Amino acid sequence: MFITEPEREEGHFSTRSVHAGEPKEKPFGSLTMPIVQTSTYHFEDTAALIEHMERKEAGLEPLRGEYGRYGNPTQEVVERKLAALDGGERALVFASGMAAVTTTLLTFLSAGDHFVLTEDCYRKTRQFSLEVMSRLGVTCSIVPQGDYAKMEEAMRPETRLVVGETPTNPYLRVIDIPRVVEIARRHGALTLIDATFGTPYNIRPLEYGADLVVHSATKYLGGHNDLLAGAVIGRAELIARIREMQGMLGGVAAPNTLYLLLRGLKTLGLRMARHNENGQRVAEFLERHPAVCRVWYPGLPSHPDHEVAARLMSGFGGVVSFELKTDLQGTAAFIDALKLPYMGPSLGGVESIVEQPALMSHFTLDEAEREALGIRGELVRYALGIEDTQDLIADLAQALERVPVKAHTLAEDGRP
């Protein structure tokens, strides 16, 4: 390891967000961890080089750097902090959340293997699983979210991995992690949980028995809509295998990105408290509004997974999805009438962002394909930032006044 002083992991969440993983005495007396802007590290002499190579060959952690693709002092501090926040032995940072997901899948799955994926997952994760992994001879079964009997049926002797998300995008479904872990372990499979929407502030899958947790650090962990990064956290031996694969695939984060992520993590607890407050209060407001057909938010008793969410989560995040009593055009007019949020993809930053999935994340699909995925034109995903709640609600109220209410029906489970 580049940083030899033990991590300071004691304290509650925000204390760990600020201090965990960092040596108190940093280079040059700096209070903040410096950006180590280098691709290459040099050795003082041949003896130092030999010692480094011998430790590397023995599988021991290096005392210093060698090449930027294999590590960076700023990266090491970020990884220690993430491990402390998620309750894992080790963490590994990537250039993006998708790099974290794809590298992990490629690490643990080989030709002839099979894995299980819950259906309401990130679209690109599903696409990679079905289109790319299949070309490598790896098969994937998609099971309905929350249907644990179907998950049990999908397990095979060659199943190596069960992949789930919690909460999911865009319907904020929350999986019963202990139940998934029990199914996976009984069949000798690992469990990988994407907790991007939850963050370690609201849910820590490793504490419920999951083997690995993955985050798109682009979202809440970075928190300021100014970086791309991903992370995987888990047991040391599993992370070591993923790190070896990362060294070959090269999806590493740059030093400046690592510095921004480190800075964002220090305020994660403060920001998540506001995201949670905004999410809950806005969801309650929307559920009462006559122009709104249905709201999906785990903090509402009406959400299909509210009981599971209340049992496993300490807060429910800042994303609220809802469907209006109108059509695609009326929904677009509503979004255009909003004044506070930006229209765009992504979530988890201090600025609120709103999108109409049918016209953004699923624009390339035709109407039948969107319907099959439950993405109707009337669906809105609102990623609330940390603005004052009353201002967000007032803005929603004035925009909802412009919604031309039309006849609308829902399926029995409340989902389009």
Protein backbone atom coordinates (compact mmCIF):
# COMPACT_ATOMS: atom_id res chain seq x y z
CA MET A 1 0.00 0.00 0.00
CA PHE A 2 1.17 3.53 -0.71
CA ILE A 3 -0.39 4.88 2.51
CA THR A 4 1.00 2.91 5.44
CA GLU A 5 -0.78 4.57 8.39
CA PRO A 6 -3.86 2.58 9.53
CA GLU A 7 -7.24 3.86 8.39
CA ARG A 8 -9.31 5.89 10.83
CA GLU A 9 -12.61 4.04 10.55
CA GLU A 10 -14.16 4.81 13.91
CA GLY A 11 -17.20 7.06 14.36
CA HIS A 12 -20.61 7.45 12.77
CA PHE A 13 -21.28 7.79 9.06
CA SER A 14 -20.32 11.41 8.41
CA THR A 15 -17.25 11.11 10.62
CA ARG A 16 -16.12 8.14 8.53
CA SER A 17 -17.01 10.02 5.35
CA VAL A 18 -14.55 12.74 6.34
CA HIS A 19 -11.75 10.75 7.97
CA ALA A 20 -11.85 7.04 7.04
CA GLY A 21 -9.05 5.77 4.86
CA GLU A 22 -6.91 8.88 5.18
CA PRO A 23 -3.63 9.29 7.04
CA LYS A 24 -3.72 12.30 9.34
CA GLU A 25 -0.28 13.41 8.17
CA LYS A 26 -0.31 13.83 4.41
CA PRO A 27 2.51 14.82 2.04
CA PHE A 28 3.83 18.37 2.44
CA GLY A 29 1.60 18.97 5.47
CA SER A 30 -1.46 19.18 3.20
CA LEU A 31 -4.81 18.92 4.98
CA THR A 32 -6.47 17.39 1.91
CA MET A 33 -5.12 14.34 0.10
CA PRO A 34 -3.06 15.65 -2.86
CA ILE A 35 -3.68 14.70 -6.47
CA VAL A 36 -0.79 12.47 -7.50
CA GLN A 37 -0.67 13.42 -11.17
CA THR A 38 1.66 10.82 -12.62
CA SER A 39 1.41 7.80 -14.89
CA THR A 40 4.79 6.33 -13.89
CA TYR A 41 6.69 5.85 -10.63
CA HIS A 42 10.47 5.50 -10.40
CA PHE A 43 12.63 3.32 -8.12
CA GLU A 44 15.51 4.63 -6.01
CA ASP A 45 17.77 1.72 -6.91
CA THR A 46 17.79 -1.91 -8.05
CA ALA A 47 17.28 -3.21 -4.51
CA ALA A 48 14.05 -1.21 -4.22
CA LEU A 49 12.88 -2.54 -7.58
CA ILE A 50 13.59 -6.16 -6.58
CA GLU A 51 11.79 -5.74 -3.26
CA HIS A 52 8.76 -4.33 -5.09
CA MET A 53 8.68 -7.18 -7.61
CA GLU A 54 9.10 -9.85 -4.94
CA ARG A 55 6.19 -8.46 -2.93
CA LYS A 56 4.10 -8.31 -6.09
CA GLU A 57 4.97 -11.91 -7.01
CA ALA A 58 4.09 -13.06 -3.47
CA GLY A 59 0.68 -11.39 -3.69
CA LEU A 60 1.52 -8.81 -1.03
CA GLU A 61 0.30 -5.23 -1.22
CA PRO A 62 2.90 -2.89 -2.74
CA LEU A 63 4.67 -0.31 -0.61
CA ARG A 64 4.85 2.13 -3.51
CA GLY A 65 3.58 2.72 -7.01
CA GLU A 66 4.79 1.24 -10.26
CA TYR A 67 2.45 2.31 -13.06
CA GLY A 68 -0.75 4.34 -13.04
CA ARG A 69 -2.96 1.53 -14.32
CA TYR A 70 -2.13 -0.49 -11.19
CA GLY A 71 -2.84 2.17 -8.59
CA ASN A 72 -2.43 5.70 -7.34
CA PRO A 73 -2.10 7.12 -3.80
CA THR A 74 -5.25 9.23 -4.24
CA GLN A 75 -7.06 6.13 -5.49
CA GLU A 76 -5.96 4.15 -2.46
CA VAL A 77 -7.44 6.69 -0.05
CA VAL A 78 -10.75 6.72 -1.97
CA GLU A 79 -10.87 2.93 -1.93
CA ARG A 80 -10.17 2.74 1.82
CA LYS A 81 -12.91 5.28 2.47
CA LEU A 82 -15.43 3.43 0.30
CA ALA A 83 -14.62 0.13 2.00
CA ALA A 84 -15.16 1.74 5.41
CA LEU A 85 -18.50 3.27 4.38
CA ASP A 86 -19.88 0.08 2.80
CA GLY A 87 -18.49 -2.27 5.43
CA GLY A 88 -16.21 -4.21 3.09
CA GLU A 89 -12.63 -5.38 3.40
CA ARG A 90 -11.50 -3.78 0.14
CA ALA A 91 -12.80 -1.51 -2.60
CA LEU A 92 -11.75 -0.89 -6.19
CA VAL A 93 -12.46 2.30 -8.17
CA PHE A 94 -13.13 2.39 -11.92
CA ALA A 95 -13.49 4.96 -14.69
CA SER A 96 -17.29 4.51 -14.68
CA GLY A 97 -20.04 2.49 -13.10
CA MET A 98 -20.37 0.40 -16.26
CA ALA A 99 -16.63 -0.35 -16.17
CA ALA A 100 -17.13 -1.64 -12.62
CA VAL A 101 -20.08 -3.84 -13.64
CA THR A 102 -18.59 -5.23 -16.85
CA THR A 103 -15.16 -5.91 -15.33
CA THR A 104 -16.77 -7.76 -12.43
CA LEU A 105 -18.88 -9.91 -14.75
CA LEU A 106 -15.84 -10.73 -16.87
CA THR A 107 -13.88 -11.65 -13.74
CA PHE A 108 -16.27 -14.26 -12.40
CA LEU A 109 -17.93 -15.63 -15.55
CA SER A 110 -16.38 -17.84 -18.23
CA ALA A 111 -17.64 -19.85 -21.21
CA GLY A 112 -20.21 -22.39 -20.07
CA ASP A 113 -21.18 -20.40 -16.97
CA HIS A 114 -24.63 -19.02 -16.23
CA PHE A 115 -25.83 -16.07 -14.16
CA VAL A 116 -29.15 -14.63 -13.04
CA LEU A 117 -30.16 -11.00 -13.46
CA THR A 118 -33.27 -9.25 -12.11
CA GLU A 119 -35.31 -7.67 -14.88
CA ASP A 120 -35.75 -4.11 -13.58
CA CYS A 121 -32.03 -3.43 -13.82
CA TYR A 122 -29.98 -0.74 -15.49
CA ARG A 123 -30.60 -1.01 -19.21
CA LYS A 124 -26.92 -1.11 -20.23
CA THR A 125 -26.21 -3.85 -17.66
CA ARG A 126 -28.99 -5.91 -19.22
CA GLN A 127 -27.73 -5.17 -22.73
CA PHE A 128 -24.16 -6.18 -21.88
CA SER A 129 -25.40 -9.34 -20.18
CA LEU A 130 -27.53 -10.47 -23.12
CA GLU A 131 -25.51 -9.23 -26.09
CA VAL A 132 -21.86 -9.36 -25.05
CA MET A 133 -21.64 -12.11 -22.45
CA SER A 134 -23.58 -14.44 -24.76
CA ARG A 135 -20.87 -14.01 -27.41
CA LEU A 136 -18.40 -15.29 -24.81
CA GLY A 137 -20.45 -18.43 -24.17
CA VAL A 138 -22.03 -17.17 -20.94
CA THR A 139 -25.80 -17.51 -20.56
CA CYS A 140 -28.05 -15.22 -18.56
CA SER A 141 -31.56 -15.69 -17.16
CA ILE A 142 -33.71 -12.61 -16.54
CA VAL A 143 -36.13 -13.07 -13.64
CA PRO A 144 -39.01 -10.79 -12.58
CA GLN A 145 -38.13 -8.31 -9.87
CA GLY A 146 -39.25 -9.61 -6.50
CA ASP A 147 -40.26 -13.07 -7.74
CA TYR A 148 -38.04 -15.30 -5.64
CA ALA A 149 -39.73 -18.49 -6.80
CA LYS A 150 -38.73 -17.62 -10.37
CA MET A 151 -35.22 -16.85 -9.18
CA GLU A 152 -35.05 -20.28 -7.54
CA GLU A 153 -36.27 -21.91 -10.76
CA ALA A 154 -33.63 -20.04 -12.79
CA MET A 155 -30.70 -21.42 -10.78
CA ARG A 156 -28.63 -24.13 -12.49
CA PRO A 157 -25.60 -26.23 -11.57
CA GLU A 158 -23.49 -23.88 -13.69
CA THR A 159 -24.89 -20.67 -12.11
CA ARG A 160 -21.98 -18.65 -10.75
CA LEU A 161 -23.52 -15.25 -10.00
CA VAL A 162 -26.81 -13.58 -9.05
CA VAL A 163 -26.97 -9.88 -9.96
CA GLY A 164 -29.57 -7.48 -8.58
CA GLU A 165 -30.15 -3.77 -8.04
CA THR A 166 -31.72 -1.96 -5.14
CA PRO A 167 -33.47 0.38 -5.55
CA THR A 168 -33.95 -0.09 -9.29
CA ASN A 169 -34.37 2.36 -12.13
CA PRO A 170 -36.97 3.78 -12.72
CA TYR A 171 -39.49 2.03 -10.45
CA LEU A 172 -37.36 2.02 -7.27
CA ARG A 173 -37.98 -1.69 -6.64
CA VAL A 174 -36.16 -2.99 -3.56
CA ILE A 175 -35.00 -6.59 -3.47
CA ASP A 176 -34.95 -8.70 -0.34
CA ILE A 177 -31.16 -9.05 -0.14
CA PRO A 178 -31.06 -11.73 2.62
CA ARG A 179 -33.48 -13.85 0.59
CA VAL A 180 -31.44 -13.47 -2.59
CA VAL A 181 -28.24 -14.29 -0.72
CA GLU A 182 -29.81 -17.44 0.73
CA ILE A 183 -30.86 -18.65 -2.73
CA ALA A 184 -27.47 -17.88 -4.26
CA ARG A 185 -25.45 -19.51 -1.48
CA ARG A 186 -27.55 -22.65 -1.54
CA HIS A 187 -26.60 -23.03 -5.21
CA GLY A 188 -22.95 -22.08 -4.72
CA ALA A 189 -23.25 -18.70 -6.47
CA LEU A 190 -21.94 -15.25 -5.56
CA THR A 191 -24.25 -12.27 -5.10
CA LEU A 192 -23.56 -8.87 -6.70
CA ILE A 193 -25.82 -5.96 -5.73
CA ASP A 194 -25.86 -2.62 -7.54
CA ALA A 195 -26.69 -0.15 -4.76
CA THR A 196 -26.15 3.06 -6.75
CA PHE A 197 -29.62 4.42 -5.90
CA GLY A 198 -29.30 3.37 -2.28
CA THR A 199 -25.73 4.47 -1.42
CA PRO A 200 -24.01 3.15 1.73
CA TYR A 201 -25.82 5.87 3.66
CA ASN A 202 -29.20 4.16 3.08
CA ILE A 203 -28.35 0.50 2.54
CA ARG A 204 -25.24 -1.68 2.89
CA PRO A 205 -25.81 -4.97 1.05
CA LEU A 206 -22.62 -6.51 2.47
CA GLU A 207 -24.17 -6.37 5.93
CA TYR A 208 -27.00 -8.59 4.65
CA GLY A 209 -24.62 -11.19 3.25
CA ALA A 210 -24.02 -9.99 -0.32
CA ASP A 211 -20.55 -10.86 -1.63
CA LEU A 212 -20.04 -7.69 -3.68
CA VAL A 213 -21.66 -4.28 -3.96
CA VAL A 214 -21.22 -2.00 -6.96
CA HIS A 215 -21.86 1.73 -7.34
CA SER A 216 -21.91 4.20 -10.15
CA ALA A 217 -19.91 6.80 -8.22
CA THR A 218 -20.94 9.29 -10.92
CA LYS A 219 -24.20 9.64 -9.00
CA TYR A 220 -24.59 10.20 -5.25
CA LEU A 221 -21.04 9.31 -4.20
CA GLY A 222 -19.50 12.07 -6.33
CA GLY A 223 -22.61 14.15 -5.81
CA HIS A 224 -21.90 17.16 -8.00
CA ASN A 225 -22.57 16.04 -11.58
CA ASP A 226 -18.92 16.64 -12.48
CA LEU A 227 -17.25 13.22 -12.67
CA LEU A 228 -17.54 9.69 -14.05
CA ALA A 229 -16.46 6.82 -11.79
CA GLY A 230 -17.52 3.44 -10.46
CA ALA A 231 -16.62 1.20 -7.53
CA VAL A 232 -16.87 -2.40 -6.34
CA ILE A 233 -16.59 -3.30 -2.64
CA GLY A 234 -16.34 -6.70 -0.97
CA ARG A 235 -14.05 -9.33 0.49
CA ALA A 236 -10.33 -8.91 -0.11
CA GLU A 237 -9.89 -12.08 -2.15
CA LEU A 238 -12.75 -11.18 -4.51
CA ILE A 239 -11.56 -7.61 -5.00
CA ALA A 240 -8.03 -8.90 -5.71
CA ARG A 241 -9.39 -10.97 -8.60
CA ILE A 242 -11.30 -8.00 -10.02
CA ARG A 243 -8.22 -5.77 -9.65
CA GLU A 244 -6.20 -8.23 -11.73
CA MET A 245 -8.84 -8.08 -14.47
CA GLN A 246 -8.95 -4.27 -14.28
CA GLY A 247 -5.21 -4.18 -14.86
CA MET A 248 -5.76 -6.00 -18.15
CA LEU A 249 -8.89 -4.16 -19.29
CA GLY A 250 -7.64 -0.75 -18.18
CA GLY A 251 -10.84 0.88 -16.92
CA VAL A 252 -9.06 2.98 -14.29
CA ALA A 253 -10.03 6.39 -12.94
CA ALA A 254 -7.79 9.41 -13.52
CA PRO A 255 -6.13 11.20 -10.55
CA ASN A 256 -8.23 14.35 -10.94
CA THR A 257 -11.42 12.27 -10.97
CA LEU A 258 -10.28 10.46 -7.84
CA TYR A 259 -9.69 13.77 -6.08
CA LEU A 260 -13.18 15.01 -7.00
CA LEU A 261 -14.70 11.74 -5.79
CA LEU A 262 -12.79 11.97 -2.52
CA ARG A 263 -14.08 15.49 -2.00
CA GLY A 264 -17.64 14.44 -2.79
CA LEU A 265 -17.56 11.53 -0.35
CA LYS A 266 -16.79 13.85 2.56
CA THR A 267 -20.28 15.41 2.35
CA LEU A 268 -22.18 12.23 1.42
CA GLY A 269 -23.97 11.98 4.76
CA LEU A 270 -25.10 15.60 4.72
CA ARG A 271 -26.28 15.43 1.13
CA MET A 272 -28.11 12.12 1.52
CA ALA A 273 -30.05 13.42 4.51
CA ARG A 274 -31.44 16.21 2.27
CA HIS A 275 -31.98 13.87 -0.70
CA ASN A 276 -33.97 11.54 1.57
CA GLU A 277 -36.04 14.40 2.97
CA ASN A 278 -36.78 15.82 -0.46
CA GLY A 279 -37.66 12.41 -1.87
CA GLN A 280 -40.10 11.53 0.89
CA ARG A 281 -41.89 14.88 1.01
CA VAL A 282 -42.12 15.28 -2.77
CA ALA A 283 -43.41 11.70 -3.14
CA GLU A 284 -46.11 12.37 -0.52
CA PHE A 285 -47.09 15.61 -2.27
CA LEU A 286 -47.31 13.94 -5.68
CA GLU A 287 -49.37 11.01 -4.38
CA ARG A 288 -52.02 13.46 -3.16
CA HIS A 289 -52.16 15.48 -6.39
CA PRO A 290 -55.18 14.88 -8.66
CA ALA A 291 -53.10 15.11 -11.85
CA VAL A 292 -50.84 12.24 -10.76
CA CYS A 293 -51.86 8.67 -11.48
CA ARG A 294 -49.23 6.74 -9.50
CA VAL A 295 -46.02 7.42 -7.57
CA TRP A 296 -43.17 4.93 -7.15
CA TYR A 297 -41.12 5.67 -4.05
CA PRO A 298 -40.05 3.04 -1.48
CA GLY A 299 -40.88 5.35 1.40
CA LEU A 300 -44.59 5.26 0.50
CA PRO A 301 -46.80 2.47 1.88
CA SER A 302 -48.30 2.20 -1.62
CA HIS A 303 -44.97 1.05 -3.11
CA PRO A 304 -44.95 -2.72 -3.74
CA ASP A 305 -41.67 -3.13 -1.84
CA HIS A 306 -42.32 -0.74 1.03
CA GLU A 307 -42.12 -3.48 3.68
CA VAL A 308 -38.77 -4.74 2.38
CA ALA A 309 -37.43 -1.19 2.03
CA ALA A 310 -38.49 -0.25 5.55
CA ARG A 311 -36.74 -3.36 6.88
CA LEU A 312 -33.47 -3.00 4.96
CA MET A 313 -33.04 0.73 4.33
CA SER A 314 -32.46 3.67 6.64
CA GLY A 315 -33.66 6.17 4.01
CA PHE A 316 -35.15 5.99 0.54
CA GLY A 317 -33.13 8.37 -1.62
CA GLY A 318 -33.88 11.35 -3.80
CA VAL A 319 -35.34 9.72 -6.94
CA VAL A 320 -39.12 9.78 -7.36
CA SER A 321 -40.83 8.25 -10.39
CA PHE A 322 -44.45 9.03 -11.16
CA GLU A 323 -47.00 8.81 -13.93
CA LEU A 324 -49.31 11.63 -14.90
CA LYS A 325 -52.97 11.39 -15.92
CA THR A 326 -52.16 12.53 -19.44
CA ASP A 327 -50.27 11.36 -22.53
CA LEU A 328 -46.71 11.66 -23.84
CA GLN A 329 -47.27 15.20 -25.15
CA GLY A 330 -48.95 16.38 -21.95
CA THR A 331 -46.09 14.94 -19.89
CA ALA A 332 -43.54 16.73 -22.07
CA ALA A 333 -45.44 20.00 -21.53
CA PHE A 334 -45.35 19.42 -17.77
CA ILE A 335 -41.59 18.88 -17.80
CA ASP A 336 -41.08 21.98 -19.93
CA ALA A 337 -43.08 23.98 -17.38
CA LEU A 338 -40.77 23.03 -14.50
CA LYS A 339 -38.37 25.84 -13.59
CA LEU A 340 -35.94 24.36 -11.06
CA PRO A 341 -34.68 21.04 -12.45
CA TYR A 342 -32.45 20.54 -15.46
CA MET A 343 -33.71 18.19 -18.13
CA GLY A 344 -31.17 15.43 -18.61
CA PRO A 345 -29.98 11.95 -17.68
CA SER A 346 -28.25 10.81 -14.48
CA LEU A 347 -29.06 11.56 -10.86
CA GLY A 348 -27.56 11.98 -7.42
CA GLY A 349 -26.07 15.45 -7.76
CA VAL A 350 -26.83 18.61 -5.84
CA GLU A 351 -28.86 19.93 -8.79
CA SER A 352 -32.26 18.38 -9.52
CA ILE A 353 -32.59 16.59 -12.86
CA VAL A 354 -35.82 15.47 -14.52
CA GLU A 355 -36.40 13.20 -17.49
CA GLN A 356 -39.20 11.61 -19.46
CA PRO A 357 -37.74 8.11 -20.00
CA ALA A 358 -39.72 7.50 -23.19
CA LEU A 359 -38.00 10.48 -24.80
CA MET A 360 -34.53 10.07 -23.26
CA SER A 361 -33.18 6.79 -21.92
CA HIS A 362 -35.58 4.74 -24.09
CA PHE A 363 -35.91 7.05 -27.09
CA THR A 364 -34.39 4.55 -29.55
CA LEU A 365 -37.07 1.95 -28.74
CA ASP A 366 -40.45 1.92 -30.45
CA GLU A 367 -43.65 2.20 -28.44
CA ALA A 368 -44.20 -1.57 -28.25
CA GLU A 369 -40.66 -2.15 -26.97
CA ARG A 370 -41.08 0.57 -24.36
CA GLU A 371 -44.43 -0.87 -23.26
CA ALA A 372 -42.80 -4.29 -22.82
CA LEU A 373 -40.35 -2.68 -20.40
CA GLY A 374 -43.09 -0.75 -18.62
CA ILE A 375 -41.92 2.62 -19.96
CA ARG A 376 -44.98 4.61 -20.94
CA GLY A 377 -45.01 8.13 -22.29
CA GLU A 378 -46.60 9.47 -19.10
CA LEU A 379 -43.74 8.32 -16.88
CA VAL A 380 -41.50 10.94 -15.23
CA ARG A 381 -38.29 10.26 -13.30
CA TYR A 382 -37.37 13.15 -11.04
CA ALA A 383 -33.91 12.99 -9.43
CA LEU A 384 -34.24 15.53 -6.65
CA GLY A 385 -31.18 17.52 -5.67
CA ILE A 386 -30.55 19.28 -2.38
CA GLU A 387 -32.63 22.41 -3.04
CA ASP A 388 -35.11 23.48 -0.36
CA THR A 389 -38.09 21.14 -0.31
CA GLN A 390 -40.72 23.85 -0.33
CA ASP A 391 -39.27 25.37 -3.50
CA LEU A 392 -39.27 22.01 -5.27
CA ILE A 393 -42.89 21.38 -4.29
CA ALA A 394 -44.00 24.87 -5.31
CA ASP A 395 -42.37 24.39 -8.69
CA LEU A 396 -44.07 21.02 -9.16
CA ALA A 397 -47.43 22.50 -8.17
CA GLN A 398 -47.31 25.25 -10.79
CA ALA A 399 -46.24 22.83 -13.51
CA LEU A 400 -48.92 20.28 -12.61
CA GLU A 401 -51.59 22.95 -13.07
CA ARG A 402 -50.79 22.77 -16.80
CA VAL A 403 -51.33 19.00 -17.12
CA PRO A 404 -54.36 18.21 -19.31
CA VAL A 405 -55.86 15.37 -17.26
CA LYS A 406 -57.15 12.44 -19.34
CA ALA A 407 -58.69 9.04 -18.62
CA HIS A 408 -56.03 6.66 -17.37
CA THR A 409 -55.83 3.05 -16.23
CA LEU A 410 -53.29 1.00 -14.32
CA ALA A 411 -52.50 -2.67 -14.20
CA GLU A 412 -53.44 -4.48 -10.98
CA ASP A 413 -49.95 -4.17 -9.56
CA GLY A 414 -50.00 -0.46 -10.24
CA ARG A 415 -47.32 -0.69 -12.89
CA PRO A 416 -47.99 0.26 -16.55
